[in-house]
Amino acid sequence: MADITIYHNPRCSKSRQTLELLQENNISPEIILYLEQTPSKKELKDVLGKLGMTARDLVRTSEEAYKALGLSNPDLSDDQLLDAMINEPKLIQRPIVVAGSRAVLGRPPENVLELF
C-alpha cells in the first residue's frame, strides 16, 4: 500500500477520529501537525489536485480569520486563498488524508476508507 499521510490537528475531534480509524485498520500514517508544520503553497496545490478541489473548497469558512481577512470575496484567486491558508493554517479544512495520488477529507472520518 502507498504511503499514507494525515494532515492532523489533535485538538479536532474529526481529526482524532480519522487517525483512530486509520490505526484501527493497521495503518500507521505519517502525521503532519499542519498548525506547526504549515504546508508550502506547492504542497497545498499538490493536495488540492489529489482532492479534486479548489482552494476555496479547502478554506474553513467558520474560522474568525476567514471573516477578518475578507476571504468570502469571490474575486480572490486560488493563490490569494492559499497564501491566507499558509499565513493562518487554521483556515485549512481538516483532516486531510493522502494516499499516493489520491486524497480525501476526513469529514466524516469514514471518507478515508475510500482510499483503501
C-alpha atoms as a PDB file:
ATOM      1  CA  MET A   1       0.000   0.000   0.000  1.00  0.00           C
ATOM      2  CA  ALA A   2       1.132   3.535  -0.757  1.00  0.00           C
ATOM      3  CA  ASP A   3       2.477   5.717   1.996  1.00  0.00           C
ATOM      4  CA  ILE A   4      -0.320   7.386   3.934  1.00  0.00           C
ATOM      5  CA  THR A   5      -0.107  10.920   5.307  1.00  0.00           C
ATOM      6  CA  ILE A   6      -2.594  12.708   7.539  1.00  0.00           C
ATOM      7  CA  TYR A   7      -2.636  16.477   7.968  1.00  0.00           C
ATOM      8  CA  HIS A   8      -3.724  16.370  11.581  1.00  0.00           C
ATOM      9  CA  ASN A   9      -4.903  18.703  14.315  1.00  0.00           C
ATOM     10  CA  PRO A  10      -5.032  16.765  17.604  1.00  0.00           C
ATOM     11  CA  ARG A  11      -7.465  19.319  19.063  1.00  0.00           C
ATOM     12  CA  CYS A  12     -10.054  18.494  16.381  1.00  0.00           C
ATOM     13  CA  SER A  13     -12.405  15.599  17.160  1.00  0.00           C
ATOM     14  CA  LYS A  14     -12.845  14.652  13.478  1.00  0.00           C
ATOM     15  CA  SER A  15      -9.092  14.614  13.023  1.00  0.00           C
ATOM     16  CA  ARG A  16      -8.633  12.396  16.090  1.00  0.00           C
ATOM     17  CA  GLN A  17     -11.414  10.070  14.930  1.00  0.00           C
ATOM     18  CA  THR A  18      -9.877   9.821  11.455  1.00  0.00           C
ATOM     19  CA  LEU A  19      -6.450   8.989  12.841  1.00  0.00           C
ATOM     20  CA  GLU A  20      -8.008   6.386  15.139  1.00  0.00           C
ATOM     21  CA  LEU A  21      -9.871   4.813  12.205  1.00  0.00           C
ATOM     22  CA  LEU A  22      -6.630   4.546  10.237  1.00  0.00           C
ATOM     23  CA  GLN A  23      -4.869   2.937  13.192  1.00  0.00           C
ATOM     24  CA  GLU A  24      -7.771   0.500  13.722  1.00  0.00           C
ATOM     25  CA  ASN A  25      -7.158  -0.604  10.118  1.00  0.00           C
ATOM     26  CA  ASN A  26      -3.461  -1.236  10.865  1.00  0.00           C
ATOM     27  CA  ILE A  27      -2.356   1.892   9.048  1.00  0.00           C
ATOM     28  CA  SER A  28       0.392   3.956  10.639  1.00  0.00           C
ATOM     29  CA  PRO A  29       0.294   7.202   8.700  1.00  0.00           C
ATOM     30  CA  GLU A  30       2.901   9.910   8.636  1.00  0.00           C
ATOM     31  CA  ILE A  31       1.361  12.582  10.850  1.00  0.00           C
ATOM     32  CA  ILE A  32       1.828  16.187   9.830  1.00  0.00           C
ATOM     33  CA  LEU A  33       0.757  18.610  12.529  1.00  0.00           C
ATOM     34  CA  TYR A  34      -0.090  21.255   9.954  1.00  0.00           C
ATOM     35  CA  LEU A  35      -0.612  24.016  12.519  1.00  0.00           C
ATOM     36  CA  GLU A  36       3.075  23.614  13.455  1.00  0.00           C
ATOM     37  CA  GLN A  37       4.455  22.381  10.115  1.00  0.00           C
ATOM     38  CA  THR A  38       2.486  24.553   7.705  1.00  0.00           C
ATOM     39  CA  PRO A  39       2.479  23.091   4.192  1.00  0.00           C
ATOM     40  CA  SER A  40       4.033  25.162   1.429  1.00  0.00           C
ATOM     41  CA  LYS A  41       1.967  26.550  -1.415  1.00  0.00           C
ATOM     42  CA  LYS A  42       3.356  23.818  -3.675  1.00  0.00           C
ATOM     43  CA  GLU A  43       2.302  21.134  -1.158  1.00  0.00           C
ATOM     44  CA  LEU A  44      -1.183  22.612  -0.836  1.00  0.00           C
ATOM     45  CA  LYS A  45      -1.576  22.759  -4.622  1.00  0.00           C
ATOM     46  CA  ASP A  46      -0.492  19.122  -4.836  1.00  0.00           C
ATOM     47  CA  VAL A  47      -3.008  18.132  -2.150  1.00  0.00           C
ATOM     48  CA  LEU A  48      -5.762  20.110  -3.884  1.00  0.00           C
ATOM     49  CA  GLY A  49      -5.070  18.222  -7.101  1.00  0.00           C
ATOM     50  CA  LYS A  50      -5.335  14.904  -5.264  1.00  0.00           C
ATOM     51  CA  LEU A  51      -8.542  16.026  -3.549  1.00  0.00           C
ATOM     52  CA  GLY A  52     -10.023  17.324  -6.797  1.00  0.00           C
ATOM     53  CA  MET A  53     -10.840  20.602  -5.046  1.00  0.00           C
ATOM     54  CA  THR A  54     -10.213  24.289  -5.472  1.00  0.00           C
ATOM     55  CA  ALA A  55      -8.539  26.418  -2.834  1.00  0.00           C
ATOM     56  CA  ARG A  56     -11.945  27.887  -1.942  1.00  0.00           C
ATOM     57  CA  ASP A  57     -13.241  24.354  -1.220  1.00  0.00           C
ATOM     58  CA  LEU A  58     -10.426  23.822   1.292  1.00  0.00           C
ATOM     59  CA  VAL A  59     -10.941  27.016   3.304  1.00  0.00           C
ATOM     60  CA  ARG A  60     -12.715  26.722   6.650  1.00  0.00           C
ATOM     61  CA  THR A  61     -15.358  29.431   6.443  1.00  0.00           C
ATOM     62  CA  SER A  62     -16.248  29.166  10.134  1.00  0.00           C
ATOM     63  CA  GLU A  63     -12.879  30.487  11.312  1.00  0.00           C
ATOM     64  CA  GLU A  64     -12.673  34.073  12.584  1.00  0.00           C
ATOM     65  CA  ALA A  65      -9.732  34.710  10.237  1.00  0.00           C
ATOM     66  CA  TYR A  66     -11.985  33.912   7.260  1.00  0.00           C
ATOM     67  CA  LYS A  67     -14.205  36.862   8.126  1.00  0.00           C
ATOM     68  CA  ALA A  68     -11.383  39.122   9.320  1.00  0.00           C
ATOM     69  CA  LEU A  69      -9.416  38.646   6.090  1.00  0.00           C
ATOM     70  CA  GLY A  70     -12.438  39.096   3.830  1.00  0.00           C
ATOM     71  CA  LEU A  71     -11.951  35.674   2.251  1.00  0.00           C
ATOM     72  CA  SER A  72     -15.590  35.449   1.185  1.00  0.00           C
ATOM     73  CA  ASN A  73     -14.711  37.870  -1.635  1.00  0.00           C
ATOM     74  CA  PRO A  74     -15.370  35.843  -4.828  1.00  0.00           C
ATOM     75  CA  ASP A  75     -12.718  37.832  -6.703  1.00  0.00           C
ATOM     76  CA  LEU A  76      -9.871  36.319  -4.653  1.00  0.00           C
ATOM     77  CA  SER A  77      -7.668  33.973  -6.652  1.00  0.00           C
ATOM     78  CA  ASP A  78      -6.628  30.477  -5.597  1.00  0.00           C
ATOM     79  CA  ASP A  79      -3.133  31.850  -4.933  1.00  0.00           C
ATOM     80  CA  GLN A  80      -4.534  34.513  -2.611  1.00  0.00           C
ATOM     81  CA  LEU A  81      -6.585  31.921  -0.731  1.00  0.00           C
ATOM     82  CA  LEU A  82      -3.575  29.593  -0.492  1.00  0.00           C
ATOM     83  CA  ASP A  83      -1.463  32.456   0.872  1.00  0.00           C
ATOM     84  CA  ALA A  84      -4.150  33.073   3.507  1.00  0.00           C
ATOM     85  CA  MET A  85      -4.145  29.381   4.491  1.00  0.00           C
ATOM     86  CA  ILE A  86      -0.357  29.384   4.774  1.00  0.00           C
ATOM     87  CA  ASN A  87      -0.411  32.503   6.952  1.00  0.00           C
ATOM     88  CA  GLU A  88      -3.367  31.214   9.017  1.00  0.00           C
ATOM     89  CA  PRO A  89      -3.211  27.386   8.870  1.00  0.00           C
ATOM     90  CA  LYS A  90      -6.367  27.110  10.997  1.00  0.00           C
ATOM     91  CA  LEU A  91      -8.141  28.017   7.761  1.00  0.00           C
ATOM     92  CA  ILE A  92      -7.240  24.641   6.212  1.00  0.00           C
ATOM     93  CA  GLN A  93     -10.018  22.033   6.291  1.00  0.00           C
ATOM     94  CA  ARG A  94      -9.037  19.007   8.335  1.00  0.00           C
ATOM     95  CA  PRO A  95      -8.118  16.291   8.448  1.00  0.00           C
ATOM     96  CA  ILE A  96      -6.707  15.555   5.015  1.00  0.00           C
ATOM     97  CA  VAL A  97      -5.506  12.028   4.326  1.00  0.00           C
ATOM     98  CA  VAL A  98      -3.249  11.432   1.322  1.00  0.00           C
ATOM     99  CA  ALA A  99      -2.533   8.006  -0.148  1.00  0.00           C
ATOM    100  CA  GLY A 100      -0.382   8.068  -3.258  1.00  0.00           C
ATOM    101  CA  SER A 101      -2.146  10.066  -5.977  1.00  0.00           C
ATOM    102  CA  ARG A 102      -5.426  10.364  -4.046  1.00  0.00           C
ATOM    103  CA  ALA A 103      -6.620  12.293  -1.031  1.00  0.00           C
ATOM    104  CA  VAL A 104      -9.827  12.761   0.958  1.00  0.00           C
ATOM    105  CA  LEU A 105     -11.109  14.984   3.722  1.00  0.00           C
ATOM    106  CA  GLY A 106     -11.875  13.035   6.879  1.00  0.00           C
ATOM    107  CA  ARG A 107     -15.292  14.662   7.262  1.00  0.00           C
ATOM    108  CA  PRO A 108     -16.793  12.270   8.089  1.00  0.00           C
ATOM    109  CA  PRO A 109     -13.866  10.094   9.178  1.00  0.00           C
ATOM    110  CA  GLU A 110     -15.225   7.140   7.182  1.00  0.00           C
ATOM    111  CA  ASN A 111     -14.299   9.005   3.981  1.00  0.00           C
ATOM    112  CA  VAL A 112     -10.742   7.702   4.427  1.00  0.00           C
ATOM    113  CA  LEU A 113     -11.954   4.174   3.760  1.00  0.00           C
ATOM    114  CA  GLU A 114     -12.424   5.215   0.110  1.00  0.00           C
ATOM    115  CA  LEU A 115      -8.623   5.233  -0.209  1.00  0.00           C
ATOM    116  CA  PHE A 116      -8.284   1.501   0.508  1.00  0.00           C
END
